[in-house]
Amino acid sequence: MSKILLLLILAMMIVHLIKPLGLPGLKRRSDFWKLALIALAAVSLTILLRGE
């Protein structure tokens, strides 16, 4: 589950570098680091919930 989530967010980061997504807080290309923080939080939460 965490690998799929990580790949999905990585794909979003690549797309965002090419053409910004236009979501609130993600209007500029330089905002791709925010997606990295979201990915880190999501993967950490997934690992904590699974108890590995």
PDB file of N, CA and C in Angstrom:
ATOM      1  N   MET A   1       0.826  -1.197   0.000  1.00  0.00           N
ATOM      2  CA  MET A   1       0.000   0.000   0.000  1.00  0.00           C
ATOM      3  C   MET A   1       0.868   1.257   0.000  1.00  0.00           C
ATOM      4  N   SER A   2       1.892   1.284   0.845  1.00  0.00           N
ATOM      5  CA  SER A   2       2.720   2.481   0.924  1.00  0.00           C
ATOM      6  C   SER A   2       3.519   2.684  -0.359  1.00  0.00           C
ATOM      7  N   LYS A   3       3.882   1.592  -1.045  1.00  0.00           N
ATOM      8  CA  LYS A   3       4.626   1.730  -2.299  1.00  0.00           C
ATOM      9  C   LYS A   3       3.755   2.319  -3.390  1.00  0.00           C
ATOM     10  N   ILE A   4       2.505   1.905  -3.449  1.00  0.00           N
ATOM     11  CA  ILE A   4       1.576   2.450  -4.441  1.00  0.00           C
ATOM     12  C   ILE A   4       1.331   3.926  -4.174  1.00  0.00           C
ATOM     13  N   LEU A   5       1.144   4.265  -2.912  1.00  0.00           N
ATOM     14  CA  LEU A   5       0.919   5.650  -2.525  1.00  0.00           C
ATOM     15  C   LEU A   5       2.133   6.500  -2.874  1.00  0.00           C
ATOM     16  N   LEU A   6       3.324   5.990  -2.613  1.00  0.00           N
ATOM     17  CA  LEU A   6       4.544   6.710  -2.918  1.00  0.00           C
ATOM     18  C   LEU A   6       4.708   6.921  -4.420  1.00  0.00           C
ATOM     19  N   LEU A   7       4.416   5.905  -5.218  1.00  0.00           N
ATOM     20  CA  LEU A   7       4.516   6.040  -6.667  1.00  0.00           C
ATOM     21  C   LEU A   7       3.491   7.028  -7.219  1.00  0.00           C
ATOM     22  N   LEU A   8       2.293   7.041  -6.652  1.00  0.00           N
ATOM     23  CA  LEU A   8       1.260   7.968  -7.084  1.00  0.00           C
ATOM     24  C   LEU A   8       1.680   9.413  -6.810  1.00  0.00           C
ATOM     25  N   ILE A   9       2.197   9.672  -5.632  1.00  0.00           N
ATOM     26  CA  ILE A   9       2.601  11.033  -5.291  1.00  0.00           C
ATOM     27  C   ILE A   9       3.847  11.438  -6.074  1.00  0.00           C
ATOM     28  N   LEU A  10       4.743  10.492  -6.341  1.00  0.00           N
ATOM     29  CA  LEU A  10       5.911  10.782  -7.174  1.00  0.00           C
ATOM     30  C   LEU A  10       5.475  11.171  -8.587  1.00  0.00           C
ATOM     31  N   ALA A  11       4.486  10.468  -9.126  1.00  0.00           N
ATOM     32  CA  ALA A  11       3.958  10.815 -10.443  1.00  0.00           C
ATOM     33  C   ALA A  11       3.320  12.204 -10.420  1.00  0.00           C
ATOM     34  N   MET A  12       2.624  12.539  -9.341  1.00  0.00           N
ATOM     35  CA  MET A  12       2.031  13.872  -9.207  1.00  0.00           C
ATOM     36  C   MET A  12       3.113  14.946  -9.178  1.00  0.00           C
ATOM     37  N   MET A  13       4.240  14.654  -8.516  1.00  0.00           N
ATOM     38  CA  MET A  13       5.332  15.620  -8.454  1.00  0.00           C
ATOM     39  C   MET A  13       5.919  15.866  -9.844  1.00  0.00           C
ATOM     40  N   ILE A  14       6.089  14.802 -10.620  1.00  0.00           N
ATOM     41  CA  ILE A  14       6.642  14.947 -11.964  1.00  0.00           C
ATOM     42  C   ILE A  14       5.697  15.746 -12.852  1.00  0.00           C
ATOM     43  N   VAL A  15       4.407  15.425 -12.776  1.00  0.00           N
ATOM     44  CA  VAL A  15       3.416  16.166 -13.567  1.00  0.00           C
ATOM     45  C   VAL A  15       3.381  17.624 -13.135  1.00  0.00           C
ATOM     46  N   HIS A  16       3.506  17.874 -11.846  1.00  0.00           N
ATOM     47  CA  HIS A  16       3.457  19.241 -11.335  1.00  0.00           C
ATOM     48  C   HIS A  16       4.654  20.052 -11.816  1.00  0.00           C
ATOM     49  N   LEU A  17       5.810  19.425 -11.973  1.00  0.00           N
ATOM     50  CA  LEU A  17       6.971  20.140 -12.492  1.00  0.00           C
ATOM     51  C   LEU A  17       6.767  20.535 -13.957  1.00  0.00           C
ATOM     52  N   ILE A  18       6.059  19.701 -14.706  1.00  0.00           N
ATOM     53  CA  ILE A  18       5.808  20.000 -16.120  1.00  0.00           C
ATOM     54  C   ILE A  18       4.711  21.054 -16.258  1.00  0.00           C
ATOM     55  N   LYS A  19       3.601  20.822 -15.579  1.00  0.00           N
ATOM     56  CA  LYS A  19       2.476  21.759 -15.620  1.00  0.00           C
ATOM     57  C   LYS A  19       1.851  21.787 -14.232  1.00  0.00           C
ATOM     58  N   PRO A  20       1.894  22.931 -13.554  1.00  0.00           N
ATOM     59  CA  PRO A  20       1.339  23.016 -12.202  1.00  0.00           C
ATOM     60  C   PRO A  20      -0.107  22.527 -12.135  1.00  0.00           C
ATOM     61  N   LEU A  21      -0.430  21.836 -11.040  1.00  0.00           N
ATOM     62  CA  LEU A  21      -1.741  21.214 -10.888  1.00  0.00           C
ATOM     63  C   LEU A  21      -2.865  22.227 -10.684  1.00  0.00           C
ATOM     64  N   GLY A  22      -2.552  23.390 -10.124  1.00  0.00           N
ATOM     65  CA  GLY A  22      -3.562  24.422  -9.930  1.00  0.00           C
ATOM     66  C   GLY A  22      -4.395  24.241  -8.677  1.00  0.00           C
ATOM     67  N   LEU A  23      -4.022  23.300  -7.824  1.00  0.00           N
ATOM     68  CA  LEU A  23      -4.738  23.105  -6.565  1.00  0.00           C
ATOM     69  C   LEU A  23      -4.356  24.218  -5.594  1.00  0.00           C
ATOM     70  N   PRO A  24      -5.184  24.488  -4.593  1.00  0.00           N
ATOM     71  CA  PRO A  24      -4.822  25.517  -3.616  1.00  0.00           C
ATOM     72  C   PRO A  24      -3.473  25.192  -2.961  1.00  0.00           C
ATOM     73  N   GLY A  25      -2.562  26.139  -3.020  1.00  0.00           N
ATOM     74  CA  GLY A  25      -1.234  25.952  -2.457  1.00  0.00           C
ATOM     75  C   GLY A  25      -0.250  25.322  -3.422  1.00  0.00           C
ATOM     76  N   LEU A  26      -0.718  24.930  -4.609  1.00  0.00           N
ATOM     77  CA  LEU A  26       0.151  24.302  -5.606  1.00  0.00           C
ATOM     78  C   LEU A  26       0.018  25.026  -6.947  1.00  0.00           C
ATOM     79  N   LYS A  27       0.134  26.324  -6.925  1.00  0.00           N
ATOM     80  CA  LYS A  27      -0.062  27.128  -8.133  1.00  0.00           C
ATOM     81  C   LYS A  27       1.220  27.272  -8.956  1.00  0.00           C
ATOM     82  N   ARG A  28       2.397  27.182  -8.299  1.00  0.00           N
ATOM     83  CA  ARG A  28       3.662  27.393  -9.003  1.00  0.00           C
ATOM     84  C   ARG A  28       4.436  26.089  -9.103  1.00  0.00           C
ATOM     85  N   ARG A  29       5.334  26.019 -10.072  1.00  0.00           N
ATOM     86  CA  ARG A  29       6.165  24.828 -10.238  1.00  0.00           C
ATOM     87  C   ARG A  29       7.064  24.598  -9.043  1.00  0.00           C
ATOM     88  N   SER A  30       7.477  25.670  -8.385  1.00  0.00           N
ATOM     89  CA  SER A  30       8.386  25.538  -7.249  1.00  0.00           C
ATOM     90  C   SER A  30       7.693  24.982  -6.004  1.00  0.00           C
ATOM     91  N   ASP A  31       6.402  24.747  -6.061  1.00  0.00           N
ATOM     92  CA  ASP A  31       5.657  24.195  -4.920  1.00  0.00           C
ATOM     93  C   ASP A  31       5.649  22.672  -4.892  1.00  0.00           C
ATOM     94  N   PHE A  32       6.451  22.021  -5.743  1.00  0.00           N
ATOM     95  CA  PHE A  32       6.434  20.559  -5.775  1.00  0.00           C
ATOM     96  C   PHE A  32       6.956  19.951  -4.482  1.00  0.00           C
ATOM     97  N   TRP A  33       7.734  20.708  -3.707  1.00  0.00           N
ATOM     98  CA  TRP A  33       8.252  20.190  -2.439  1.00  0.00           C
ATOM     99  C   TRP A  33       7.117  19.939  -1.450  1.00  0.00           C
ATOM    100  N   LYS A  34       6.012  20.628  -1.598  1.00  0.00           N
ATOM    101  CA  LYS A  34       4.865  20.400  -0.715  1.00  0.00           C
ATOM    102  C   LYS A  34       4.303  19.000  -0.936  1.00  0.00           C
ATOM    103  N   LEU A  35       4.338  18.539  -2.197  1.00  0.00           N
ATOM    104  CA  LEU A  35       3.899  17.173  -2.482  1.00  0.00           C
ATOM    105  C   LEU A  35       4.823  16.158  -1.814  1.00  0.00           C
ATOM    106  N   ALA A  36       6.114  16.481  -1.728  1.00  0.00           N
ATOM    107  CA  ALA A  36       7.056  15.587  -1.055  1.00  0.00           C
ATOM    108  C   ALA A  36       6.729  15.495   0.435  1.00  0.00           C
ATOM    109  N   LEU A  37       6.355  16.593   1.053  1.00  0.00           N
ATOM    110  CA  LEU A  37       5.960  16.560   2.466  1.00  0.00           C
ATOM    111  C   LEU A  37       4.682  15.755   2.668  1.00  0.00           C
ATOM    112  N   ILE A  38       3.749  15.899   1.749  1.00  0.00           N
ATOM    113  CA  ILE A  38       2.511  15.122   1.828  1.00  0.00           C
ATOM    114  C   ILE A  38       2.823  13.636   1.688  1.00  0.00           C
ATOM    115  N   ALA A  39       3.732  13.301   0.783  1.00  0.00           N
ATOM    116  CA  ALA A  39       4.121  11.900   0.587  1.00  0.00           C
ATOM    117  C   ALA A  39       4.771  11.340   1.841  1.00  0.00           C
ATOM    118  N   LEU A  40       5.667  12.104   2.435  1.00  0.00           N
ATOM    119  CA  LEU A  40       6.336  11.651   3.650  1.00  0.00           C
ATOM    120  C   LEU A  40       5.336  11.419   4.776  1.00  0.00           C
ATOM    121  N   ALA A  41       4.397  12.324   4.928  1.00  0.00           N
ATOM    122  CA  ALA A  41       3.382  12.178   5.970  1.00  0.00           C
ATOM    123  C   ALA A  41       2.461  10.988   5.696  1.00  0.00           C
ATOM    124  N   ALA A  42       2.064  10.807   4.443  1.00  0.00           N
ATOM    125  CA  ALA A  42       1.158   9.712   4.100  1.00  0.00           C
ATOM    126  C   ALA A  42       1.825   8.353   4.292  1.00  0.00           C
ATOM    127  N   VAL A  43       3.073   8.226   3.866  1.00  0.00           N
ATOM    128  CA  VAL A  43       3.784   6.955   4.033  1.00  0.00           C
ATOM    129  C   VAL A  43       4.030   6.675   5.511  1.00  0.00           C
ATOM    130  N   SER A  44       4.393   7.702   6.270  1.00  0.00           N
ATOM    131  CA  SER A  44       4.606   7.523   7.712  1.00  0.00           C
ATOM    132  C   SER A  44       3.324   7.092   8.408  1.00  0.00           C
ATOM    133  N   LEU A  45       2.213   7.705   8.038  1.00  0.00           N
ATOM    134  CA  LEU A  45       0.929   7.348   8.628  1.00  0.00           C
ATOM    135  C   LEU A  45       0.539   5.920   8.273  1.00  0.00           C
ATOM    136  N   THR A  46       0.798   5.531   7.034  1.00  0.00           N
ATOM    137  CA  THR A  46       0.493   4.165   6.607  1.00  0.00           C
ATOM    138  C   THR A  46       1.312   3.153   7.396  1.00  0.00           C
ATOM    139  N   ILE A  47       2.578   3.434   7.588  1.00  0.00           N
ATOM    140  CA  ILE A  47       3.442   2.527   8.334  1.00  0.00           C
ATOM    141  C   ILE A  47       3.015   2.451   9.803  1.00  0.00           C
ATOM    142  N   LEU A  48       2.659   3.592  10.371  1.00  0.00           N
ATOM    143  CA  LEU A  48       2.216   3.600  11.770  1.00  0.00           C
ATOM    144  C   LEU A  48       0.923   2.813  11.954  1.00  0.00           C
ATOM    145  N   LEU A  49      -0.008   2.958  11.011  1.00  0.00           N
ATOM    146  CA  LEU A  49      -1.287   2.263  11.129  1.00  0.00           C
ATOM    147  C   LEU A  49      -1.145   0.767  10.927  1.00  0.00           C
ATOM    148  N   ARG A  50      -0.201   0.353  10.089  1.00  0.00           N
ATOM    149  CA  ARG A  50       0.007  -1.076   9.857  1.00  0.00           C
ATOM    150  C   ARG A  50       0.814  -1.715  10.966  1.00  0.00           C
ATOM    151  N   GLY A  51       1.587  -0.920  11.711  1.00  0.00           N
ATOM    152  CA  GLY A  51       2.336  -1.449  12.842  1.00  0.00           C
ATOM    153  C   GLY A  51       3.590  -2.202  12.464  1.00  0.00           C
ATOM    154  N   GLU A  52       4.211  -1.844  11.370  1.00  0.00           N
ATOM    155  CA  GLU A  52       5.425  -2.549  10.953  1.00  0.00           C
ATOM    156  C   GLU A  52       6.620  -1.984  11.646  1.00  0.00           C
TER     157      GLU A  52
END
